[in-house]
Amino acid sequence: MMKFAFSLKNKLKIAVLLFCIMCCTLLIRFLEDKSVERINESFISMYNDRLVPATDLYFIAENLYYKNEILQDILLDNGIIHPSVGMVKMNKHNRKIDSVINKYELTLLVKQEKSFLNDLKSALTIQQGLEAKILNVAGTEGRTIYESLGRKATNQTLAKLSALIKIQSKVGNELIKGSEIFVSGTKIYSTLQVILAIVIGIMIVAIVSASNAVKIQNEKFNLN
């Protein structure tokens, strides 16, 4: 009877230990899945909120360049482009820029990005106002406004745009560092799973050895 009670007690201990190991394994698996999910989210954010917007911002720079070319062609003494035609072309580029800005605002923006974006929008508003004024007067007066204010406004807009583009790289690096942390966590979880597998293996060997020892002892007892 005492032998049976001792055997039952040991079996309960083993059962509790195996249950704890099972719970630990499930917890590690859950944490590992969460870590992989966060890594996936980081890469998706890297593409949707950093890579694509950075490309779009360069598209703004391209449209600013074309606008400046149109403006200079209008202000030439022999005016290659008539101001009314130039206005239509300029507005077309302005709509493209506004479209990119609206798209960019829908992405995930950090506090510094929001500040830089507001600065860019303000600079664009000032520049577009001066461009409209230059196109309305054209001729010598238009060239004077362009040389005194218009060129400076364009450079300021490009400077604001450049600052916004540069911060994309900074925020992207922060995302990469965050992903590296999640990857390290996944490695730790994998290591813990290996350790638990080893513990389970040792327990199985110990149980088998103990069972064989009890069997041999019982056989000796029966022979006696």
Protein backbone atom coordinates (compact mmCIF):
# COMPACT_ATOMS: atom_id res chain seq x y z
CA MET A 1 0.00 0.00 0.00
CA MET A 2 2.82 2.40 0.94
CA LYS A 3 4.63 1.43 -2.25
CA PHE A 4 1.53 2.23 -4.30
CA ALA A 5 1.11 5.60 -2.54
CA PHE A 6 4.77 6.47 -3.16
CA SER A 7 4.43 5.53 -6.82
CA LEU A 8 1.24 7.60 -7.17
CA LYS A 9 2.94 10.60 -5.51
CA ASN A 10 5.85 10.42 -7.95
CA LYS A 11 3.47 10.15 -10.90
CA LEU A 12 1.59 13.24 -9.73
CA LYS A 13 4.85 15.18 -9.44
CA ILE A 14 5.83 14.13 -12.96
CA ALA A 15 2.37 15.03 -14.28
CA VAL A 16 2.52 18.49 -12.65
CA LEU A 17 6.02 19.07 -14.03
CA LEU A 18 4.99 17.99 -17.53
CA PHE A 19 1.94 20.27 -17.32
CA CYS A 20 4.15 23.21 -16.35
CA ILE A 21 6.49 22.46 -19.26
CA MET A 22 3.51 22.28 -21.61
CA CYS A 23 2.27 25.69 -20.37
CA CYS A 24 5.75 27.17 -20.82
CA THR A 25 5.94 25.76 -24.36
CA LEU A 26 2.56 27.25 -25.26
CA LEU A 27 3.53 30.62 -23.76
CA ILE A 28 6.83 30.65 -25.67
CA ARG A 29 4.99 29.75 -28.86
CA PHE A 30 2.53 32.60 -28.28
CA LEU A 31 5.33 35.11 -27.66
CA GLU A 32 7.22 33.86 -30.71
CA ASP A 33 4.14 34.32 -32.92
CA LYS A 34 3.69 37.85 -31.55
CA SER A 35 7.33 38.65 -32.27
CA VAL A 36 7.05 37.39 -35.86
CA GLU A 37 3.84 39.40 -36.29
CA ARG A 38 5.60 42.57 -35.12
CA ILE A 39 8.52 41.94 -37.47
CA ASN A 40 6.04 41.56 -40.34
CA GLU A 41 4.29 44.79 -39.32
CA SER A 42 7.63 46.61 -39.22
CA PHE A 43 8.49 45.55 -42.76
CA ILE A 44 5.02 46.47 -44.04
CA SER A 45 5.33 49.87 -42.36
CA MET A 46 8.81 50.25 -43.84
CA TYR A 47 7.33 49.83 -47.32
CA ASN A 48 3.98 51.65 -46.96
CA ASP A 49 5.04 54.47 -44.61
CA ARG A 50 8.67 55.03 -45.62
CA LEU A 51 9.73 53.65 -49.01
CA VAL A 52 6.61 54.64 -50.99
CA PRO A 53 6.28 58.12 -49.39
CA ALA A 54 10.00 58.81 -49.96
CA THR A 55 9.49 58.05 -53.66
CA ASP A 56 6.43 60.30 -53.72
CA LEU A 57 8.38 63.15 -52.12
CA TYR A 58 10.96 62.94 -54.90
CA PHE A 59 8.01 63.20 -57.29
CA ILE A 60 7.19 66.56 -55.66
CA ALA A 61 10.75 67.72 -56.32
CA GLU A 62 10.35 66.72 -59.95
CA ASN A 63 7.16 68.77 -60.31
CA LEU A 64 8.80 71.77 -58.63
CA TYR A 65 11.61 71.56 -61.18
CA TYR A 66 9.14 71.52 -64.10
CA LYS A 67 7.24 74.47 -62.62
CA ASN A 68 10.43 76.48 -62.36
CA GLU A 69 11.26 75.71 -65.99
CA ILE A 70 7.80 76.87 -67.11
CA LEU A 71 8.14 80.06 -65.09
CA GLN A 72 11.54 80.90 -66.58
CA ASP A 73 10.27 80.22 -70.11
CA ILE A 74 7.41 82.67 -69.52
CA LEU A 75 9.73 85.36 -68.15
CA LEU A 76 12.12 85.27 -71.12
CA ASP A 77 12.14 88.43 -73.22
CA ASN A 78 10.80 86.51 -76.21
CA GLY A 79 8.39 84.51 -73.99
CA ILE A 80 8.43 80.92 -75.22
CA ILE A 81 5.18 80.22 -73.35
CA HIS A 82 2.25 82.61 -72.98
CA PRO A 83 1.33 83.35 -69.33
CA SER A 84 -2.21 81.92 -69.76
CA VAL A 85 -0.80 78.65 -71.12
CA GLY A 86 1.83 78.66 -68.39
CA MET A 87 -0.89 79.09 -65.77
CA VAL A 88 -2.66 75.96 -67.02
CA LYS A 89 0.58 73.94 -66.92
CA MET A 90 1.53 75.28 -63.48
CA ASN A 91 -1.88 74.40 -62.06
CA LYS A 92 -1.52 70.89 -63.45
CA HIS A 93 1.75 70.44 -61.54
CA ASN A 94 0.22 72.03 -58.42
CA ARG A 95 -2.59 69.45 -58.49
CA LYS A 96 -0.05 66.65 -58.75
CA ILE A 97 1.86 68.05 -55.77
CA ASP A 98 -1.36 68.42 -53.72
CA SER A 99 -2.29 64.83 -54.58
CA VAL A 100 1.06 63.56 -53.28
CA ILE A 101 0.76 65.68 -50.10
CA ASN A 102 -2.74 64.31 -49.42
CA LYS A 103 -1.50 60.74 -49.95
CA TYR A 104 1.50 61.36 -47.70
CA GLU A 105 -0.72 62.65 -44.88
CA LEU A 106 -2.50 59.27 -44.76
CA THR A 107 0.71 57.43 -43.87
CA LEU A 108 2.06 56.88 -40.35
CA LEU A 109 3.84 60.12 -39.40
CA VAL A 110 6.01 60.76 -36.35
CA LYS A 111 5.79 64.12 -34.57
CA GLN A 112 8.84 65.57 -36.36
CA GLU A 113 7.48 64.49 -39.75
CA LYS A 114 4.18 66.27 -39.08
CA SER A 115 6.08 69.44 -38.20
CA PHE A 116 8.26 69.27 -41.33
CA LEU A 117 5.21 68.51 -43.49
CA ASN A 118 3.40 71.59 -42.17
CA ASP A 119 6.50 73.67 -42.96
CA LEU A 120 6.53 72.28 -46.50
CA LYS A 121 2.82 73.00 -47.01
CA SER A 122 3.34 76.58 -45.82
CA ALA A 123 6.31 77.03 -48.16
CA LEU A 124 4.29 75.61 -51.08
CA THR A 125 1.41 78.01 -50.35
CA ILE A 126 3.77 81.00 -50.36
CA GLN A 127 5.49 79.84 -53.53
CA GLN A 128 2.23 79.22 -55.40
CA GLY A 129 0.95 82.66 -54.37
CA LEU A 130 4.08 84.33 -55.76
CA GLU A 131 3.89 82.25 -58.94
CA ALA A 132 0.31 83.35 -59.53
CA LYS A 133 1.33 86.98 -58.99
CA ILE A 134 4.27 86.63 -61.39
CA LEU A 135 2.07 85.06 -64.07
CA ASN A 136 -0.56 87.79 -63.71
CA VAL A 137 1.89 90.64 -64.33
CA ALA A 138 4.57 88.79 -66.36
CA GLY A 139 6.98 91.01 -68.33
CA THR A 140 9.59 93.12 -66.52
CA GLU A 141 7.59 93.37 -63.29
CA GLY A 142 7.15 89.60 -63.23
CA ARG A 143 10.89 89.07 -63.65
CA THR A 144 11.55 91.53 -60.82
CA ILE A 145 9.22 89.66 -58.46
CA TYR A 146 10.77 86.36 -59.47
CA GLU A 147 14.33 87.57 -58.89
CA SER A 148 13.55 89.25 -55.56
CA LEU A 149 11.06 86.80 -54.03
CA GLY A 150 10.16 83.93 -56.36
CA ARG A 151 13.58 82.31 -56.57
CA LYS A 152 14.02 82.52 -52.80
CA ALA A 153 10.58 80.97 -52.21
CA THR A 154 11.43 78.07 -54.54
CA ASN A 155 14.70 77.42 -52.71
CA GLN A 156 12.95 77.48 -49.34
CA THR A 157 10.36 74.99 -50.58
CA LEU A 158 13.11 72.67 -51.80
CA ALA A 159 14.91 73.01 -48.44
CA LYS A 160 11.73 72.03 -46.56
CA LEU A 161 11.19 69.12 -48.92
CA SER A 162 14.80 67.97 -48.49
CA ALA A 163 14.40 68.00 -44.69
CA LEU A 164 11.26 65.88 -44.96
CA ILE A 165 12.98 63.39 -47.28
CA LYS A 166 15.99 63.06 -44.95
CA ILE A 167 13.82 62.23 -41.95
CA GLN A 168 12.47 59.22 -43.84
CA SER A 169 15.88 57.60 -43.51
CA LYS A 170 16.04 58.38 -39.78
CA VAL A 171 12.62 56.92 -39.02
CA GLY A 172 13.41 53.94 -41.27
CA ASN A 173 16.53 53.19 -39.21
CA GLU A 174 14.43 53.29 -36.04
CA LEU A 175 12.06 50.73 -37.56
CA ILE A 176 15.00 48.49 -38.45
CA LYS A 177 16.32 48.69 -34.88
CA GLY A 178 12.86 47.76 -33.59
CA SER A 179 12.80 44.75 -35.93
CA GLU A 180 16.24 43.67 -34.69
CA ILE A 181 14.88 43.63 -31.12
CA PHE A 182 11.98 41.41 -32.19
CA VAL A 183 14.39 39.10 -34.07
CA SER A 184 16.54 38.80 -30.94
CA GLY A 185 13.42 37.93 -28.95
CA THR A 186 12.54 35.21 -31.47
CA LYS A 187 16.04 33.72 -31.09
CA ILE A 188 15.62 33.67 -27.30
CA TYR A 189 12.25 31.92 -27.60
CA SER A 190 13.79 29.31 -29.93
CA THR A 191 16.60 28.71 -27.42
CA LEU A 192 14.06 28.24 -24.60
CA GLN A 193 12.17 25.72 -26.73
CA VAL A 194 15.39 23.73 -27.26
CA ILE A 195 16.08 23.80 -23.50
CA LEU A 196 12.56 22.56 -22.75
CA ALA A 197 12.98 19.79 -25.33
CA ILE A 198 16.21 18.72 -23.62
CA VAL A 199 14.49 18.78 -20.20
CA ILE A 200 11.67 16.62 -21.52
CA GLY A 201 14.20 14.21 -23.04
CA ILE A 202 16.08 13.95 -19.73
CA MET A 203 12.80 13.33 -17.88
CA ILE A 204 11.82 10.57 -20.32
CA VAL A 205 15.21 8.89 -19.87
CA ALA A 206 14.91 9.25 -16.06
CA ILE A 207 11.37 7.81 -16.05
CA VAL A 208 12.39 4.86 -18.24
CA SER A 209 15.46 4.21 -16.07
CA ALA A 210 13.40 4.41 -12.88
CA SER A 211 10.77 2.12 -14.38
CA ASN A 212 13.43 -0.43 -15.34
CA ALA A 213 14.98 -0.22 -11.87
CA VAL A 214 11.60 -0.84 -10.23
CA LYS A 215 10.95 -3.75 -12.62
CA ILE A 216 14.32 -5.35 -11.81
CA GLN A 217 13.71 -4.84 -8.08
CA ASN A 218 10.28 -6.46 -8.33
CA GLU A 219 11.73 -9.43 -10.23
CA LYS A 220 14.36 -9.90 -7.49
CA PHE A 221 11.64 -9.64 -4.85
CA ASN A 222 9.52 -12.29 -6.63
CA LEU A 223 12.53 -14.63 -6.93
CA ASN A 224 13.21 -14.31 -3.22
